[in-house]
Amino acid sequence: MLARIFAITGFALAFVFIGTLTVLAQTSILNVSYDVSRELYKEINPAFAEEWKQKTGKAIEIKQSHAGSTRQAQAVAEGLEADVVTMNQAPDIDFLAGKGLVAKDWRTKFPGNAAPYTSVSVFLVRKGNPKGIKDWGDLARPGIQVVIPNPKTSGNGRYTYLAAWGFAKTTLGEAAAKDFVGKLFANVPVFDGGGRGATTTFTQRGVGDALVTFENEAQLIGAEFGADKFDVVYPSISVEAPAPVTVNERVVDKRGTRDVAEAYLAFLFSPKAQAIIANHNLRPHDETVLKANASKFPAIKTFDVEALIGPWAEVSKTHFGEGGIYDQIVVK
């Protein structure tokens, strides 16, 4: 009887041990990202998984979560267990750093202030540009409908607001900026929560004369719906929109995934990943890859938010905080 019990117990222990090995071999991490980066990471993730398997012999699954950037940052702060966060604006990562989830010096962890690529805000208009929309001033004209995601929940929308403010400041003067941006945002019929929702509103619901979105999203829409339906318009000036990345310190330590999470983010700066990034019409950090894809990225005058408008912490509070300039514009 004792021998039989020992044999059964030993079998059970062996089963548990084998099961544990299986679990350890099938590591997964979660990348919580912004709304319009879905297609990029669908290609990045298997490329990294293949390289990780070659280097370590271990399988890795990278899961994706997408919504408006600011909404995603809030979800992580409230407990969404992201191993890595890949946002489209620094304030969302600074917000997580303030919550103790991200290292305060996160910008120093990877090249380019931890941004593997940048983008710019452009206009997508109906084919033939029937309303003659060429620059930011045209978006503020009476009778024009502009589709923009909500700056309160979307980095895409926030960059649109700041791009319009920067245009007004450089062409009309600081004092006229609030009035100009107010006129433009008065032309927005509906505010979607993120960039992908705004794209659906413009392309599938047929709302609006122009969609303001990131360059890569505009190119993706043309490929998805047909170049015969829309035109891309590059304004006279746009905002430089780096997309920063970092690890969630609390989660990687809790789950034991720091090595793979850091390797995943480092991979984004590799020549292989940078080529994929350029293929998705995002402006890569690597100068060699950028030059090799110069035909995809028309020259456009851009400005840095902190250099032209102010430090991100100040901008976030003054423009997007409770009762800030954006709220005043919308209420008005």
Protein backbone atom coordinates (compact mmCIF):
# COMPACT_ATOMS: atom_id res chain seq x y z
CA MET A 1 0.00 0.00 0.00
CA LEU A 2 2.80 2.42 1.00
CA ALA A 3 4.64 1.63 -2.22
CA ARG A 4 1.49 2.34 -4.22
CA ILE A 5 0.89 5.65 -2.42
CA PHE A 6 4.51 6.64 -3.00
CA ALA A 7 4.23 5.78 -6.65
CA ILE A 8 1.03 7.84 -7.05
CA THR A 9 2.50 10.75 -5.08
CA GLY A 10 5.68 10.63 -7.10
CA PHE A 11 3.66 10.66 -10.31
CA ALA A 12 1.69 13.65 -9.09
CA LEU A 13 4.87 15.52 -8.12
CA ALA A 14 6.41 14.72 -11.46
CA PHE A 15 3.26 16.00 -13.20
CA VAL A 16 3.34 19.24 -11.20
CA PHE A 17 7.06 19.65 -11.91
CA ILE A 18 6.58 19.10 -15.64
CA GLY A 19 3.64 21.49 -15.60
CA THR A 20 5.78 24.11 -13.90
CA LEU A 21 8.46 23.74 -16.53
CA THR A 22 5.84 24.16 -19.23
CA VAL A 23 4.57 27.36 -17.64
CA LEU A 24 8.07 28.74 -17.26
CA ALA A 25 8.86 27.97 -20.88
CA GLN A 26 5.76 29.85 -22.14
CA THR A 27 6.48 33.35 -20.88
CA SER A 28 4.20 36.21 -21.94
CA ILE A 29 4.35 39.96 -21.58
CA LEU A 30 1.70 42.63 -22.14
CA ASN A 31 2.40 45.72 -24.23
CA VAL A 32 -0.11 48.46 -23.40
CA SER A 33 -0.03 50.94 -26.24
CA TYR A 34 -1.94 53.74 -27.90
CA ASP A 35 -4.81 53.48 -30.33
CA VAL A 36 -3.27 53.49 -33.80
CA SER A 37 -0.18 51.35 -33.13
CA ARG A 38 -2.01 48.02 -33.52
CA GLU A 39 -0.72 47.13 -36.97
CA LEU A 40 2.85 48.10 -36.11
CA TYR A 41 3.05 45.77 -33.12
CA LYS A 42 1.31 42.96 -34.95
CA GLU A 43 4.48 42.84 -37.07
CA ILE A 44 7.01 43.81 -34.41
CA ASN A 45 5.90 41.15 -31.91
CA PRO A 46 6.53 37.97 -33.94
CA ALA A 47 9.85 39.39 -35.15
CA PHE A 48 10.97 39.86 -31.56
CA ALA A 49 9.58 36.47 -30.48
CA GLU A 50 11.62 34.77 -33.19
CA GLU A 51 14.82 36.58 -32.17
CA TRP A 52 14.20 35.89 -28.47
CA LYS A 53 13.71 32.19 -29.20
CA GLN A 54 16.97 32.08 -31.17
CA LYS A 55 18.91 33.82 -28.40
CA THR A 56 17.44 32.09 -25.35
CA GLY A 57 15.68 28.97 -26.58
CA LYS A 58 12.52 30.22 -24.84
CA ALA A 59 9.13 30.91 -26.35
CA ILE A 60 7.57 34.29 -25.68
CA GLU A 61 4.09 35.62 -26.36
CA ILE A 62 3.57 39.38 -26.57
CA LYS A 63 0.00 40.45 -25.89
CA GLN A 64 -1.35 43.79 -27.07
CA SER A 65 -3.76 46.32 -25.58
CA HIS A 66 -4.79 49.47 -27.45
CA ALA A 67 -6.91 52.55 -26.76
CA GLY A 68 -6.37 56.30 -26.43
CA SER A 69 -2.90 56.90 -24.96
CA THR A 70 -4.03 58.84 -21.89
CA ARG A 71 -6.83 56.37 -21.25
CA GLN A 72 -4.29 53.53 -21.41
CA ALA A 73 -1.98 55.24 -18.95
CA GLN A 74 -4.89 55.63 -16.55
CA ALA A 75 -5.77 51.95 -16.94
CA VAL A 76 -2.19 50.95 -16.09
CA ALA A 77 -2.27 53.22 -13.04
CA GLU A 78 -5.50 51.53 -11.97
CA GLY A 79 -4.03 48.04 -12.22
CA LEU A 80 -3.80 46.89 -15.84
CA GLU A 81 -0.66 44.76 -15.61
CA ALA A 82 1.41 46.05 -18.47
CA ASP A 83 4.98 44.76 -18.59
CA VAL A 84 5.80 47.53 -21.05
CA VAL A 85 4.05 50.71 -22.06
CA THR A 86 4.55 52.19 -25.53
CA MET A 87 2.76 55.52 -25.66
CA ASN A 88 2.66 58.41 -28.11
CA GLN A 89 3.38 61.22 -25.67
CA ALA A 90 5.76 61.75 -22.78
CA PRO A 91 3.15 63.08 -20.29
CA ASP A 92 1.46 59.68 -20.13
CA ILE A 93 4.69 58.03 -19.05
CA ASP A 94 5.51 60.87 -16.68
CA PHE A 95 2.07 60.30 -15.15
CA LEU A 96 2.98 56.65 -14.51
CA ALA A 97 6.36 57.71 -13.10
CA GLY A 98 4.49 59.91 -10.66
CA LYS A 99 2.51 56.85 -9.57
CA GLY A 100 5.73 54.95 -8.84
CA LEU A 101 5.19 52.48 -11.69
CA VAL A 102 7.87 53.83 -14.02
CA ALA A 103 11.42 54.99 -13.25
CA LYS A 104 11.61 58.77 -13.01
CA ASP A 105 14.66 58.72 -15.31
CA TRP A 106 12.87 56.57 -17.93
CA ARG A 107 14.10 58.84 -20.75
CA THR A 108 17.68 57.72 -20.13
CA LYS A 109 16.99 53.99 -20.40
CA PHE A 110 16.94 53.81 -24.21
CA PRO A 111 18.25 55.94 -27.10
CA GLY A 112 16.49 59.07 -28.36
CA ASN A 113 14.91 59.88 -25.00
CA ALA A 114 13.43 56.37 -25.13
CA ALA A 115 11.49 57.06 -28.36
CA PRO A 116 12.17 54.53 -31.16
CA TYR A 117 10.26 56.65 -33.69
CA THR A 118 8.36 59.88 -34.23
CA SER A 119 5.43 61.02 -36.33
CA VAL A 120 3.79 64.28 -37.38
CA SER A 121 0.18 65.44 -37.52
CA VAL A 122 -1.26 65.67 -41.05
CA PHE A 123 -4.70 66.07 -42.66
CA LEU A 124 -6.67 63.40 -44.47
CA VAL A 125 -9.28 64.88 -46.82
CA ARG A 126 -11.82 63.52 -49.26
CA LYS A 127 -10.42 62.68 -52.71
CA GLY A 128 -9.75 65.78 -54.75
CA ASN A 129 -9.83 67.93 -51.61
CA PRO A 130 -13.22 69.50 -52.48
CA LYS A 131 -13.05 72.00 -49.59
CA GLY A 132 -9.56 73.21 -50.56
CA ILE A 133 -8.01 72.42 -47.18
CA LYS A 134 -4.29 73.19 -47.26
CA ASP A 135 -3.27 74.46 -43.82
CA TRP A 136 -4.42 74.83 -40.22
CA GLY A 137 -6.17 78.08 -41.02
CA ASP A 138 -8.53 76.25 -43.35
CA LEU A 139 -9.66 73.95 -40.55
CA ALA A 140 -10.93 76.98 -38.61
CA ARG A 141 -13.05 78.30 -41.49
CA PRO A 142 -16.83 78.45 -40.95
CA GLY A 143 -18.64 75.47 -42.40
CA ILE A 144 -15.69 73.06 -42.20
CA GLN A 145 -16.08 69.87 -40.16
CA VAL A 146 -12.90 68.48 -38.60
CA VAL A 147 -12.59 65.04 -37.02
CA ILE A 148 -10.18 64.94 -34.07
CA PRO A 149 -10.01 62.48 -31.15
CA ASN A 150 -10.54 63.83 -27.66
CA PRO A 151 -7.35 65.51 -26.33
CA LYS A 152 -8.39 64.48 -22.81
CA THR A 153 -8.08 60.78 -23.63
CA SER A 154 -5.92 60.60 -26.75
CA GLY A 155 -2.33 61.59 -27.43
CA ASN A 156 -3.34 61.92 -31.08
CA GLY A 157 -5.93 64.52 -30.14
CA ARG A 158 -3.56 66.28 -27.78
CA TYR A 159 -0.88 66.60 -30.45
CA THR A 160 -3.50 67.97 -32.86
CA TYR A 161 -4.42 70.65 -30.34
CA LEU A 162 -0.75 71.53 -29.76
CA ALA A 163 0.03 71.53 -33.49
CA ALA A 164 -2.80 74.02 -34.05
CA TRP A 165 -1.59 76.12 -31.10
CA GLY A 166 1.97 76.09 -32.46
CA PHE A 167 0.75 77.16 -35.90
CA ALA A 168 -1.23 80.03 -34.39
CA LYS A 169 1.63 81.12 -32.14
CA THR A 170 4.15 81.24 -35.01
CA THR A 171 1.85 82.88 -37.56
CA LEU A 172 -0.65 84.96 -35.58
CA GLY A 173 1.09 85.50 -32.25
CA GLU A 174 0.66 84.12 -28.74
CA ALA A 175 -2.31 86.35 -27.92
CA ALA A 176 -4.34 85.04 -30.89
CA ALA A 177 -3.63 81.34 -30.29
CA LYS A 178 -6.51 80.64 -27.91
CA ASP A 179 -9.08 82.27 -30.17
CA PHE A 180 -7.77 80.43 -33.24
CA VAL A 181 -7.74 77.00 -31.59
CA GLY A 182 -11.20 77.70 -30.22
CA LYS A 183 -12.53 78.33 -33.72
CA LEU A 184 -10.91 75.14 -35.00
CA PHE A 185 -12.28 72.96 -32.20
CA ALA A 186 -15.72 74.52 -32.62
CA ASN A 187 -15.69 72.79 -36.03
CA VAL A 188 -15.33 69.32 -34.46
CA PRO A 189 -18.74 67.55 -34.60
CA VAL A 190 -17.81 64.63 -32.34
CA PHE A 191 -14.85 63.71 -30.15
CA ASP A 192 -13.91 60.03 -30.27
CA GLY A 193 -11.90 58.51 -27.43
CA GLY A 194 -8.89 57.60 -29.59
CA GLY A 195 -7.33 57.89 -33.02
CA ARG A 196 -8.81 54.67 -34.37
CA GLY A 197 -12.32 55.74 -33.36
CA ALA A 198 -11.82 59.06 -35.14
CA THR A 199 -10.64 57.19 -38.23
CA THR A 200 -13.81 55.09 -38.22
CA THR A 201 -15.95 58.21 -37.84
CA PHE A 202 -14.28 59.85 -40.84
CA THR A 203 -13.85 56.89 -43.17
CA GLN A 204 -16.80 54.62 -42.45
CA ARG A 205 -19.43 56.98 -41.06
CA GLY A 206 -18.57 59.65 -43.60
CA VAL A 207 -18.41 62.43 -41.02
CA GLY A 208 -16.21 65.47 -41.60
CA ASP A 209 -14.26 67.23 -44.33
CA ALA A 210 -10.86 66.48 -42.79
CA LEU A 211 -9.38 64.05 -40.30
CA VAL A 212 -6.33 65.25 -38.38
CA THR A 213 -4.20 62.28 -37.45
CA PHE A 214 -0.67 60.95 -37.41
CA GLU A 215 1.16 60.54 -40.71
CA ASN A 216 1.31 56.77 -40.41
CA GLU A 217 -2.43 56.47 -39.76
CA ALA A 218 -3.19 58.59 -42.81
CA GLN A 219 -1.05 56.33 -44.99
CA LEU A 220 -2.60 53.21 -43.48
CA ILE A 221 -6.10 54.49 -44.26
CA GLY A 222 -5.15 55.03 -47.89
CA ALA A 223 -3.83 51.48 -48.13
CA GLU A 224 -6.87 50.02 -46.35
CA PHE A 225 -9.69 51.92 -48.05
CA GLY A 226 -8.10 52.80 -51.38
CA ALA A 227 -6.00 55.73 -52.56
CA ASP A 228 -8.93 56.81 -54.74
CA LYS A 229 -10.98 57.86 -51.71
CA PHE A 230 -8.68 60.18 -49.77
CA ASP A 231 -5.76 62.58 -50.13
CA VAL A 232 -3.08 63.38 -47.54
CA VAL A 233 -2.32 67.06 -46.95
CA TYR A 234 0.88 68.21 -45.23
CA PRO A 235 0.38 71.56 -43.45
CA SER A 236 2.96 74.33 -43.44
CA ILE A 237 4.05 73.37 -39.91
CA SER A 238 3.36 70.40 -37.65
CA VAL A 239 4.32 69.06 -34.28
CA GLU A 240 7.11 66.56 -33.67
CA ALA A 241 5.43 63.61 -31.97
CA PRO A 242 7.92 61.12 -30.47
CA ALA A 243 6.50 57.85 -29.17
CA PRO A 244 8.28 56.96 -25.89
CA VAL A 245 8.53 53.50 -24.35
CA THR A 246 9.35 52.12 -20.91
CA VAL A 247 8.92 49.15 -18.57
CA ASN A 248 6.41 48.98 -15.75
CA GLU A 249 8.83 48.48 -12.86
CA ARG A 250 6.25 47.10 -10.47
CA VAL A 251 4.87 44.50 -12.88
CA VAL A 252 8.17 43.22 -14.29
CA ASP A 253 9.51 42.70 -10.78
CA LYS A 254 6.30 41.01 -9.68
CA ARG A 255 6.14 38.70 -12.72
CA GLY A 256 9.87 38.16 -13.17
CA THR A 257 9.76 39.49 -16.73
CA ARG A 258 12.27 42.32 -16.52
CA ASP A 259 14.86 40.68 -18.82
CA VAL A 260 12.42 39.96 -21.62
CA ALA A 261 10.58 43.28 -21.23
CA GLU A 262 13.81 45.27 -21.47
CA ALA A 263 15.00 43.14 -24.39
CA TYR A 264 11.69 43.76 -26.15
CA LEU A 265 12.02 47.52 -25.86
CA ALA A 266 15.70 47.43 -26.85
CA PHE A 267 14.66 45.44 -29.94
CA LEU A 268 12.57 48.40 -31.08
CA PHE A 269 15.83 50.30 -31.72
CA SER A 270 17.44 47.45 -33.70
CA PRO A 271 17.88 47.75 -37.50
CA LYS A 272 15.29 45.00 -38.05
CA ALA A 273 12.63 46.70 -35.96
CA GLN A 274 13.51 50.14 -37.30
CA ALA A 275 12.93 48.85 -40.84
CA ILE A 276 9.51 47.53 -39.78
CA ILE A 277 8.76 50.88 -38.17
CA ALA A 278 9.62 52.72 -41.40
CA ASN A 279 7.48 50.26 -43.35
CA HIS A 280 4.55 51.41 -41.22
CA ASN A 281 5.20 55.02 -42.20
CA LEU A 282 6.61 56.00 -38.82
CA ARG A 283 9.79 58.07 -38.85
CA PRO A 284 12.50 55.80 -37.38
CA HIS A 285 15.10 56.89 -34.83
CA ASP A 286 17.91 55.26 -36.82
CA GLU A 287 19.27 57.83 -39.28
CA THR A 288 20.44 55.19 -41.75
CA VAL A 289 17.00 53.59 -41.91
CA LEU A 290 15.38 57.03 -42.13
CA LYS A 291 17.54 58.03 -45.09
CA ALA A 292 16.86 54.72 -46.83
CA ASN A 293 13.13 55.49 -46.60
CA ALA A 294 13.29 59.22 -47.32
CA SER A 295 10.72 58.94 -50.13
CA LYS A 296 8.07 57.95 -47.57
CA PHE A 297 8.59 60.97 -45.40
CA PRO A 298 8.08 64.32 -47.17
CA ALA A 299 10.00 67.23 -45.71
CA ILE A 300 7.85 69.20 -43.29
CA LYS A 301 8.65 71.98 -40.86
CA THR A 302 8.08 70.77 -37.30
CA PHE A 303 8.41 72.14 -33.79
CA ASP A 304 9.15 70.59 -30.43
CA VAL A 305 6.39 71.09 -27.85
CA GLU A 306 8.74 71.97 -24.99
CA ALA A 307 10.82 74.35 -27.11
CA LEU A 308 7.87 76.32 -28.52
CA ILE A 309 5.01 76.01 -26.03
CA GLY A 310 6.58 75.02 -22.71
CA PRO A 311 7.63 72.10 -20.48
CA TRP A 312 5.27 69.14 -20.72
CA ALA A 313 4.34 69.33 -17.06
CA GLU A 314 3.32 72.96 -17.46
CA VAL A 315 1.56 72.33 -20.78
CA SER A 316 -0.39 69.41 -19.34
CA LYS A 317 -1.61 71.49 -16.41
CA THR A 318 -2.25 74.77 -18.21
CA HIS A 319 -3.87 73.37 -21.33
CA PHE A 320 -5.35 70.01 -20.37
CA GLY A 321 -5.80 70.12 -16.61
CA GLU A 322 -9.21 70.51 -15.00
CA GLY A 323 -10.50 73.95 -15.97
CA GLY A 324 -7.50 74.52 -18.26
CA ILE A 325 -7.45 76.28 -21.62
CA TYR A 326 -8.85 73.27 -23.48
CA ASP A 327 -11.82 73.06 -21.11
CA GLN A 328 -12.40 76.78 -21.49
CA ILE A 329 -12.37 76.44 -25.28
CA VAL A 330 -14.79 73.52 -25.32
CA VAL A 331 -17.23 75.12 -22.86
CA LYS A 332 -17.12 78.35 -24.82
